[in-house]
Amino acid sequence: MRGWQVERRKRTRHLIELGGLVVKAGIVDLTADDRAIIYGAMLWMADKLKSDQGEHARALWAEKGKEAFADEQAADRPSVSQAGQVRI
């Protein structure tokens, strides 16, 4: 496979993963898949990150995202109930 093909596949996978985050966050359903709303929200977020409040927003959003990933991962793991049986 040529180098440009490898790079193109990497970029495509990256873009698909980013799109998956938009779906996972519920943005598609909440906006009825309105691309203008989604794009506008992303532009607002970019402006916020460029502002004097950017570092605060970055820290706040990073923490919220990490918690959501951890909660999701915990929900995927079987847990042991008090009776000692595995719950899924």
PDB file of N, CA and C in Angstrom:
ATOM      1  N   MET A   1       0.850  -1.173   0.000  1.00  0.00           N
ATOM      2  CA  MET A   1       0.000   0.000   0.000  1.00  0.00           C
ATOM      3  C   MET A   1       0.902   1.245   0.000  1.00  0.00           C
ATOM      4  N   ARG A   2       0.500   2.212  -0.735  1.00  0.00           N
ATOM      5  CA  ARG A   2       1.279   3.442  -0.838  1.00  0.00           C
ATOM      6  C   ARG A   2       1.137   4.274   0.425  1.00  0.00           C
ATOM      7  N   GLY A   3       2.128   5.099   0.661  1.00  0.00           N
ATOM      8  CA  GLY A   3       2.141   5.954   1.846  1.00  0.00           C
ATOM      9  C   GLY A   3       0.935   6.869   1.936  1.00  0.00           C
ATOM     10  N   TRP A   4       0.527   7.441   0.798  1.00  0.00           N
ATOM     11  CA  TRP A   4      -0.620   8.345   0.824  1.00  0.00           C
ATOM     12  C   TRP A   4      -1.901   7.608   1.176  1.00  0.00           C
ATOM     13  N   GLN A   5      -1.986   6.315   0.790  1.00  0.00           N
ATOM     14  CA  GLN A   5      -3.176   5.528   1.119  1.00  0.00           C
ATOM     15  C   GLN A   5      -3.249   5.250   2.619  1.00  0.00           C
ATOM     16  N   VAL A   6      -2.095   4.962   3.211  1.00  0.00           N
ATOM     17  CA  VAL A   6      -2.034   4.722   4.649  1.00  0.00           C
ATOM     18  C   VAL A   6      -2.454   5.978   5.401  1.00  0.00           C
ATOM     19  N   GLU A   7      -1.925   7.122   4.985  1.00  0.00           N
ATOM     20  CA  GLU A   7      -2.263   8.389   5.633  1.00  0.00           C
ATOM     21  C   GLU A   7      -3.739   8.723   5.454  1.00  0.00           C
ATOM     22  N   ARG A   8      -4.267   8.453   4.281  1.00  0.00           N
ATOM     23  CA  ARG A   8      -5.683   8.722   4.022  1.00  0.00           C
ATOM     24  C   ARG A   8      -6.561   7.858   4.921  1.00  0.00           C
ATOM     25  N   ARG A   9      -6.213   6.594   5.074  1.00  0.00           N
ATOM     26  CA  ARG A   9      -6.993   5.709   5.953  1.00  0.00           C
ATOM     27  C   ARG A   9      -6.923   6.158   7.409  1.00  0.00           C
ATOM     28  N   LYS A  10      -5.737   6.601   7.848  1.00  0.00           N
ATOM     29  CA  LYS A  10      -5.595   7.118   9.218  1.00  0.00           C
ATOM     30  C   LYS A  10      -6.494   8.323   9.426  1.00  0.00           C
ATOM     31  N   ARG A  11      -6.472   9.243   8.450  1.00  0.00           N
ATOM     32  CA  ARG A  11      -7.292  10.453   8.546  1.00  0.00           C
ATOM     33  C   ARG A  11      -8.777  10.096   8.549  1.00  0.00           C
ATOM     34  N   THR A  12      -9.173   9.161   7.682  1.00  0.00           N
ATOM     35  CA  THR A  12     -10.570   8.737   7.612  1.00  0.00           C
ATOM     36  C   THR A  12     -11.008   8.129   8.931  1.00  0.00           C
ATOM     37  N   ARG A  13     -10.198   7.271   9.506  1.00  0.00           N
ATOM     38  CA  ARG A  13     -10.528   6.657  10.797  1.00  0.00           C
ATOM     39  C   ARG A  13     -10.667   7.726  11.881  1.00  0.00           C
ATOM     40  N   HIS A  14      -9.761   8.687  11.884  1.00  0.00           N
ATOM     41  CA  HIS A  14      -9.800   9.776  12.863  1.00  0.00           C
ATOM     42  C   HIS A  14     -11.106  10.562  12.743  1.00  0.00           C
ATOM     43  N   LEU A  15     -11.501  10.895  11.522  1.00  0.00           N
ATOM     44  CA  LEU A  15     -12.734  11.642  11.300  1.00  0.00           C
ATOM     45  C   LEU A  15     -13.968  10.833  11.707  1.00  0.00           C
ATOM     46  N   ILE A  16     -13.957   9.539  11.437  1.00  0.00           N
ATOM     47  CA  ILE A  16     -15.064   8.675  11.845  1.00  0.00           C
ATOM     48  C   ILE A  16     -15.168   8.633  13.369  1.00  0.00           C
ATOM     49  N   GLU A  17     -14.040   8.537  14.059  1.00  0.00           N
ATOM     50  CA  GLU A  17     -14.046   8.526  15.524  1.00  0.00           C
ATOM     51  C   GLU A  17     -14.593   9.838  16.081  1.00  0.00           C
ATOM     52  N   LEU A  18     -14.212  10.967  15.484  1.00  0.00           N
ATOM     53  CA  LEU A  18     -14.730  12.260  15.935  1.00  0.00           C
ATOM     54  C   LEU A  18     -16.242  12.346  15.712  1.00  0.00           C
ATOM     55  N   GLY A  19     -16.708  11.862  14.575  1.00  0.00           N
ATOM     56  CA  GLY A  19     -18.142  11.825  14.315  1.00  0.00           C
ATOM     57  C   GLY A  19     -18.867  10.935  15.316  1.00  0.00           C
ATOM     58  N   GLY A  20     -18.230   9.850  15.696  1.00  0.00           N
ATOM     59  CA  GLY A  20     -18.809   8.961  16.701  1.00  0.00           C
ATOM     60  C   GLY A  20     -19.007   9.652  18.028  1.00  0.00           C
ATOM     61  N   LEU A  21     -18.090  10.544  18.374  1.00  0.00           N
ATOM     62  CA  LEU A  21     -18.247  11.304  19.620  1.00  0.00           C
ATOM     63  C   LEU A  21     -19.467  12.217  19.572  1.00  0.00           C
ATOM     64  N   VAL A  22     -19.733  12.788  18.413  1.00  0.00           N
ATOM     65  CA  VAL A  22     -20.905  13.652  18.253  1.00  0.00           C
ATOM     66  C   VAL A  22     -22.177  12.830  18.478  1.00  0.00           C
ATOM     67  N   VAL A  23     -22.213  11.630  17.925  1.00  0.00           N
ATOM     68  CA  VAL A  23     -23.364  10.741  18.114  1.00  0.00           C
ATOM     69  C   VAL A  23     -23.439  10.279  19.567  1.00  0.00           C
ATOM     70  N   LYS A  24     -22.310   9.855  20.129  1.00  0.00           N
ATOM     71  CA  LYS A  24     -22.266   9.340  21.501  1.00  0.00           C
ATOM     72  C   LYS A  24     -22.742  10.374  22.513  1.00  0.00           C
ATOM     73  N   ALA A  25     -22.443  11.633  22.284  1.00  0.00           N
ATOM     74  CA  ALA A  25     -22.855  12.699  23.193  1.00  0.00           C
ATOM     75  C   ALA A  25     -24.347  13.021  23.063  1.00  0.00           C
ATOM     76  N   GLY A  26     -24.999  12.457  22.068  1.00  0.00           N
ATOM     77  CA  GLY A  26     -26.423  12.701  21.883  1.00  0.00           C
ATOM     78  C   GLY A  26     -26.735  13.945  21.068  1.00  0.00           C
ATOM     79  N   ILE A  27     -25.708  14.555  20.498  1.00  0.00           N
ATOM     80  CA  ILE A  27     -25.879  15.811  19.770  1.00  0.00           C
ATOM     81  C   ILE A  27     -26.762  15.624  18.531  1.00  0.00           C
ATOM     82  N   VAL A  28     -26.589  14.523  17.839  1.00  0.00           N
ATOM     83  CA  VAL A  28     -27.363  14.283  16.615  1.00  0.00           C
ATOM     84  C   VAL A  28     -28.850  14.212  16.946  1.00  0.00           C
ATOM     85  N   ASP A  29     -29.207  13.463  17.966  1.00  0.00           N
ATOM     86  CA  ASP A  29     -30.614  13.348  18.360  1.00  0.00           C
ATOM     87  C   ASP A  29     -31.155  14.664  18.906  1.00  0.00           C
ATOM     88  N   LEU A  30     -30.370  15.336  19.729  1.00  0.00           N
ATOM     89  CA  LEU A  30     -30.842  16.583  20.346  1.00  0.00           C
ATOM     90  C   LEU A  30     -31.063  17.704  19.342  1.00  0.00           C
ATOM     91  N   THR A  31     -30.356  17.654  18.219  1.00  0.00           N
ATOM     92  CA  THR A  31     -30.489  18.699  17.198  1.00  0.00           C
ATOM     93  C   THR A  31     -31.302  18.232  15.996  1.00  0.00           C
ATOM     94  N   ALA A  32     -31.859  17.030  16.083  1.00  0.00           N
ATOM     95  CA  ALA A  32     -32.574  16.430  14.950  1.00  0.00           C
ATOM     96  C   ALA A  32     -31.683  16.402  13.711  1.00  0.00           C
ATOM     97  N   ASP A  33     -30.405  16.131  13.928  1.00  0.00           N
ATOM     98  CA  ASP A  33     -29.403  16.016  12.855  1.00  0.00           C
ATOM     99  C   ASP A  33     -29.297  17.294  12.022  1.00  0.00           C
ATOM    100  N   ASP A  34     -29.501  18.437  12.672  1.00  0.00           N
ATOM    101  CA  ASP A  34     -29.405  19.727  11.990  1.00  0.00           C
ATOM    102  C   ASP A  34     -27.935  20.147  11.953  1.00  0.00           C
ATOM    103  N   ARG A  35     -27.323  20.054  10.788  1.00  0.00           N
ATOM    104  CA  ARG A  35     -25.886  20.323  10.634  1.00  0.00           C
ATOM    105  C   ARG A  35     -25.534  21.762  10.966  1.00  0.00           C
ATOM    106  N   ALA A  36     -26.445  22.698  10.700  1.00  0.00           N
ATOM    107  CA  ALA A  36     -26.173  24.103  11.005  1.00  0.00           C
ATOM    108  C   ALA A  36     -26.068  24.311  12.510  1.00  0.00           C
ATOM    109  N   ILE A  37     -26.944  23.670  13.273  1.00  0.00           N
ATOM    110  CA  ILE A  37     -26.883  23.771  14.738  1.00  0.00           C
ATOM    111  C   ILE A  37     -25.589  23.152  15.256  1.00  0.00           C
ATOM    112  N   ILE A  38     -25.269  21.976  14.756  1.00  0.00           N
ATOM    113  CA  ILE A  38     -24.061  21.276  15.209  1.00  0.00           C
ATOM    114  C   ILE A  38     -22.822  22.105  14.882  1.00  0.00           C
ATOM    115  N   TYR A  39     -22.737  22.617  13.681  1.00  0.00           N
ATOM    116  CA  TYR A  39     -21.594  23.424  13.267  1.00  0.00           C
ATOM    117  C   TYR A  39     -21.526  24.710  14.088  1.00  0.00           C
ATOM    118  N   GLY A  40     -22.674  25.344  14.293  1.00  0.00           N
ATOM    119  CA  GLY A  40     -22.716  26.562  15.103  1.00  0.00           C
ATOM    120  C   GLY A  40     -22.238  26.320  16.520  1.00  0.00           C
ATOM    121  N   ALA A  41     -22.644  25.199  17.095  1.00  0.00           N
ATOM    122  CA  ALA A  41     -22.202  24.858  18.454  1.00  0.00           C
ATOM    123  C   ALA A  41     -20.695  24.634  18.492  1.00  0.00           C
ATOM    124  N   MET A  42     -20.167  24.005  17.464  1.00  0.00           N
ATOM    125  CA  MET A  42     -18.720  23.772  17.410  1.00  0.00           C
ATOM    126  C   MET A  42     -17.962  25.087  17.243  1.00  0.00           C
ATOM    127  N   LEU A  43     -18.511  25.995  16.443  1.00  0.00           N
ATOM    128  CA  LEU A  43     -17.882  27.310  16.298  1.00  0.00           C
ATOM    129  C   LEU A  43     -17.908  28.070  17.620  1.00  0.00           C
ATOM    130  N   TRP A  44     -19.023  27.977  18.341  1.00  0.00           N
ATOM    131  CA  TRP A  44     -19.133  28.607  19.663  1.00  0.00           C
ATOM    132  C   TRP A  44     -18.077  28.014  20.605  1.00  0.00           C
ATOM    133  N   MET A  45     -17.929  26.686  20.570  1.00  0.00           N
ATOM    134  CA  MET A  45     -16.948  26.030  21.417  1.00  0.00           C
ATOM    135  C   MET A  45     -15.526  26.486  21.063  1.00  0.00           C
ATOM    136  N   ALA A  46     -15.229  26.599  19.775  1.00  0.00           N
ATOM    137  CA  ALA A  46     -13.906  27.065  19.343  1.00  0.00           C
ATOM    138  C   ALA A  46     -13.654  28.494  19.822  1.00  0.00           C
ATOM    139  N   ASP A  47     -14.661  29.355  19.715  1.00  0.00           N
ATOM    140  CA  ASP A  47     -14.521  30.732  20.210  1.00  0.00           C
ATOM    141  C   ASP A  47     -14.261  30.750  21.708  1.00  0.00           C
ATOM    142  N   LYS A  48     -14.975  29.897  22.433  1.00  0.00           N
ATOM    143  CA  LYS A  48     -14.799  29.815  23.892  1.00  0.00           C
ATOM    144  C   LYS A  48     -13.364  29.392  24.221  1.00  0.00           C
ATOM    145  N   LEU A  49     -12.841  28.410  23.492  1.00  0.00           N
ATOM    146  CA  LEU A  49     -11.483  27.925  23.743  1.00  0.00           C
ATOM    147  C   LEU A  49     -10.418  28.974  23.406  1.00  0.00           C
ATOM    148  N   LYS A  50     -10.727  29.863  22.471  1.00  0.00           N
ATOM    149  CA  LYS A  50      -9.790  30.929  22.093  1.00  0.00           C
ATOM    150  C   LYS A  50      -9.856  32.122  23.040  1.00  0.00           C
ATOM    151  N   SER A  51     -10.898  32.194  23.853  1.00  0.00           N
ATOM    152  CA  SER A  51     -11.109  33.350  24.717  1.00  0.00           C
ATOM    153  C   SER A  51     -10.243  33.284  25.970  1.00  0.00           C
ATOM    154  N   ASP A  52     -10.372  34.312  26.808  1.00  0.00           N
ATOM    155  CA  ASP A  52      -9.637  34.337  28.074  1.00  0.00           C
ATOM    156  C   ASP A  52     -10.158  33.285  29.050  1.00  0.00           C
ATOM    157  N   GLN A  53     -11.295  32.684  28.757  1.00  0.00           N
ATOM    158  CA  GLN A  53     -11.842  31.608  29.586  1.00  0.00           C
ATOM    159  C   GLN A  53     -11.508  30.230  29.009  1.00  0.00           C
ATOM    160  N   GLY A  54     -10.648  30.196  27.996  1.00  0.00           N
ATOM    161  CA  GLY A  54     -10.335  28.959  27.289  1.00  0.00           C
ATOM    162  C   GLY A  54      -9.764  27.862  28.154  1.00  0.00           C
ATOM    163  N   GLU A  55      -8.816  28.207  29.010  1.00  0.00           N
ATOM    164  CA  GLU A  55      -8.191  27.181  29.860  1.00  0.00           C
ATOM    165  C   GLU A  55      -9.183  26.609  30.861  1.00  0.00           C
ATOM    166  N   HIS A  56     -10.036  27.471  31.392  1.00  0.00           N
ATOM    167  CA  HIS A  56     -11.064  26.998  32.330  1.00  0.00           C
ATOM    168  C   HIS A  56     -12.036  26.052  31.618  1.00  0.00           C
ATOM    169  N   ALA A  57     -12.489  26.446  30.426  1.00  0.00           N
ATOM    170  CA  ALA A  57     -13.413  25.607  29.657  1.00  0.00           C
ATOM    171  C   ALA A  57     -12.762  24.280  29.300  1.00  0.00           C
ATOM    172  N   ARG A  58     -11.506  24.332  28.880  1.00  0.00           N
ATOM    173  CA  ARG A  58     -10.775  23.112  28.508  1.00  0.00           C
ATOM    174  C   ARG A  58     -10.696  22.149  29.691  1.00  0.00           C
ATOM    175  N   ALA A  59     -10.357  22.669  30.869  1.00  0.00           N
ATOM    176  CA  ALA A  59     -10.251  21.829  32.069  1.00  0.00           C
ATOM    177  C   ALA A  59     -11.612  21.251  32.459  1.00  0.00           C
ATOM    178  N   LEU A  60     -12.637  22.091  32.424  1.00  0.00           N
ATOM    179  CA  LEU A  60     -13.984  21.657  32.787  1.00  0.00           C
ATOM    180  C   LEU A  60     -14.487  20.581  31.835  1.00  0.00           C
ATOM    181  N   TRP A  61     -14.344  20.816  30.542  1.00  0.00           N
ATOM    182  CA  TRP A  61     -14.832  19.864  29.549  1.00  0.00           C
ATOM    183  C   TRP A  61     -14.015  18.576  29.559  1.00  0.00           C
ATOM    184  N   ALA A  62     -12.709  18.677  29.789  1.00  0.00           N
ATOM    185  CA  ALA A  62     -11.869  17.477  29.853  1.00  0.00           C
ATOM    186  C   ALA A  62     -12.293  16.597  31.024  1.00  0.00           C
ATOM    187  N   GLU A  63     -12.546  17.210  32.163  1.00  0.00           N
ATOM    188  CA  GLU A  63     -12.968  16.441  33.338  1.00  0.00           C
ATOM    189  C   GLU A  63     -14.311  15.763  33.088  1.00  0.00           C
ATOM    190  N   LYS A  64     -15.239  16.490  32.506  1.00  0.00           N
ATOM    191  CA  LYS A  64     -16.558  15.933  32.207  1.00  0.00           C
ATOM    192  C   LYS A  64     -16.434  14.762  31.231  1.00  0.00           C
ATOM    193  N   GLY A  65     -15.604  14.900  30.225  1.00  0.00           N
ATOM    194  CA  GLY A  65     -15.395  13.826  29.258  1.00  0.00           C
ATOM    195  C   GLY A  65     -14.738  12.604  29.874  1.00  0.00           C
ATOM    196  N   LYS A  66     -13.734  12.822  30.701  1.00  0.00           N
ATOM    197  CA  LYS A  66     -13.064  11.705  31.378  1.00  0.00           C
ATOM    198  C   LYS A  66     -14.036  10.950  32.275  1.00  0.00           C
ATOM    199  N   GLU A  67     -14.885  11.689  32.995  1.00  0.00           N
ATOM    200  CA  GLU A  67     -15.890  11.046  33.852  1.00  0.00           C
ATOM    201  C   GLU A  67     -16.867  10.227  33.016  1.00  0.00           C
ATOM    202  N   ALA A  68     -17.295  10.765  31.888  1.00  0.00           N
ATOM    203  CA  ALA A  68     -18.236  10.047  31.023  1.00  0.00           C
ATOM    204  C   ALA A  68     -17.604   8.776  30.466  1.00  0.00           C
ATOM    205  N   PHE A  69     -16.336   8.856  30.026  1.00  0.00           N
ATOM    206  CA  PHE A  69     -15.647   7.657  29.541  1.00  0.00           C
ATOM    207  C   PHE A  69     -15.513   6.623  30.661  1.00  0.00           C
ATOM    208  N   ALA A  70     -15.170   7.066  31.860  1.00  0.00           N
ATOM    209  CA  ALA A  70     -15.018   6.146  32.989  1.00  0.00           C
ATOM    210  C   ALA A  70     -16.353   5.505  33.352  1.00  0.00           C
ATOM    211  N   ASP A  71     -17.423   6.296  33.358  1.00  0.00           N
ATOM    212  CA  ASP A  71     -18.747   5.745  33.657  1.00  0.00           C
ATOM    213  C   ASP A  71     -19.159   4.712  32.609  1.00  0.00           C
ATOM    214  N   GLU A  72     -18.875   5.016  31.358  1.00  0.00           N
ATOM    215  CA  GLU A  72     -19.213   4.101  30.278  1.00  0.00           C
ATOM    216  C   GLU A  72     -18.423   2.797  30.404  1.00  0.00           C
ATOM    217  N   GLN A  73     -17.147   2.932  30.726  1.00  0.00           N
ATOM    218  CA  GLN A  73     -16.311   1.749  30.880  1.00  0.00           C
ATOM    219  C   GLN A  73     -16.781   0.905  32.063  1.00  0.00           C
ATOM    220  N   ALA A  74     -17.152   1.555  33.153  1.00  0.00           N
ATOM    221  CA  ALA A  74     -17.640   0.839  34.332  1.00  0.00           C
ATOM    222  C   ALA A  74     -18.954   0.126  34.029  1.00  0.00           C
ATOM    223  N   ALA A  75     -19.805   0.740  33.231  1.00  0.00           N
ATOM    224  CA  ALA A  75     -21.084   0.129  32.882  1.00  0.00           C
ATOM    225  C   ALA A  75     -20.891  -1.094  31.992  1.00  0.00           C
ATOM    226  N   ASP A  76     -19.818  -1.132  31.235  1.00  0.00           N
ATOM    227  CA  ASP A  76     -19.542  -2.265  30.353  1.00  0.00           C
ATOM    228  C   ASP A  76     -18.960  -3.463  31.096  1.00  0.00           C
ATOM    229  N   ARG A  77     -18.396  -3.219  32.286  1.00  0.00           N
ATOM    230  CA  ARG A  77     -17.798  -4.302  33.066  1.00  0.00           C
ATOM    231  C   ARG A  77     -18.862  -5.010  33.893  1.00  0.00           C
ATOM    232  N   PRO A  78     -18.810  -6.345  33.976  1.00  0.00           N
ATOM    233  CA  PRO A  78     -19.727  -7.040  34.883  1.00  0.00           C
ATOM    234  C   PRO A  78     -19.379  -6.681  36.324  1.00  0.00           C
ATOM    235  N   SER A  79     -20.379  -6.533  37.156  1.00  0.00           N
ATOM    236  CA  SER A  79     -20.120  -6.234  38.558  1.00  0.00           C
ATOM    237  C   SER A  79     -20.643  -7.364  39.422  1.00  0.00           C
ATOM    238  N   VAL A  80     -20.067  -7.518  40.600  1.00  0.00           N
ATOM    239  CA  VAL A  80     -20.469  -8.571  41.511  1.00  0.00           C
ATOM    240  C   VAL A  80     -21.513  -8.007  42.463  1.00  0.00           C
ATOM    241  N   SER A  81     -22.670  -8.652  42.510  1.00  0.00           N
ATOM    242  CA  SER A  81     -23.732  -8.197  43.406  1.00  0.00           C
ATOM    243  C   SER A  81     -23.424  -8.646  44.829  1.00  0.00           C
ATOM    244  N   GLN A  82     -24.208  -8.179  45.793  1.00  0.00           N
ATOM    245  CA  GLN A  82     -23.995  -8.530  47.193  1.00  0.00           C
ATOM    246  C   GLN A  82     -24.168 -10.030  47.413  1.00  0.00           C
ATOM    247  N   ALA A  83     -24.979 -10.672  46.603  1.00  0.00           N
ATOM    248  CA  ALA A  83     -25.191 -12.116  46.744  1.00  0.00           C
ATOM    249  C   ALA A  83     -24.047 -12.917  46.129  1.00  0.00           C
ATOM    250  N   GLY A  84     -23.100 -12.238  45.531  1.00  0.00           N
ATOM    251  CA  GLY A  84     -21.936 -12.918  44.951  1.00  0.00           C
ATOM    252  C   GLY A  84     -22.152 -13.362  43.528  1.00  0.00           C
ATOM    253  N   GLN A  85     -23.286 -13.023  42.934  1.00  0.00           N
ATOM    254  CA  GLN A  85     -23.536 -13.394  41.550  1.00  0.00           C
ATOM    255  C   GLN A  85     -23.045 -12.269  40.640  1.00  0.00           C
ATOM    256  N   VAL A  86     -22.631 -12.643  39.480  1.00  0.00           N
ATOM    257  CA  VAL A  86     -22.158 -11.649  38.519  1.00  0.00           C
ATOM    258  C   VAL A  86     -23.365 -11.051  37.822  1.00  0.00           C
ATOM    259  N   ARG A  87     -23.435  -9.710  37.808  1.00  0.00           N
ATOM    260  CA  ARG A  87     -24.482  -8.996  37.078  1.00  0.00           C
ATOM    261  C   ARG A  87     -23.879  -8.429  35.813  1.00  0.00           C
ATOM    262  N   ILE A  88     -24.639  -8.439  34.780  1.00  0.00           N
ATOM    263  CA  ILE A  88     -24.168  -7.873  33.514  1.00  0.00           C
ATOM    264  C   ILE A  88     -25.044  -6.699  33.155  1.00  0.00           C
TER     265      ILE A  88
END
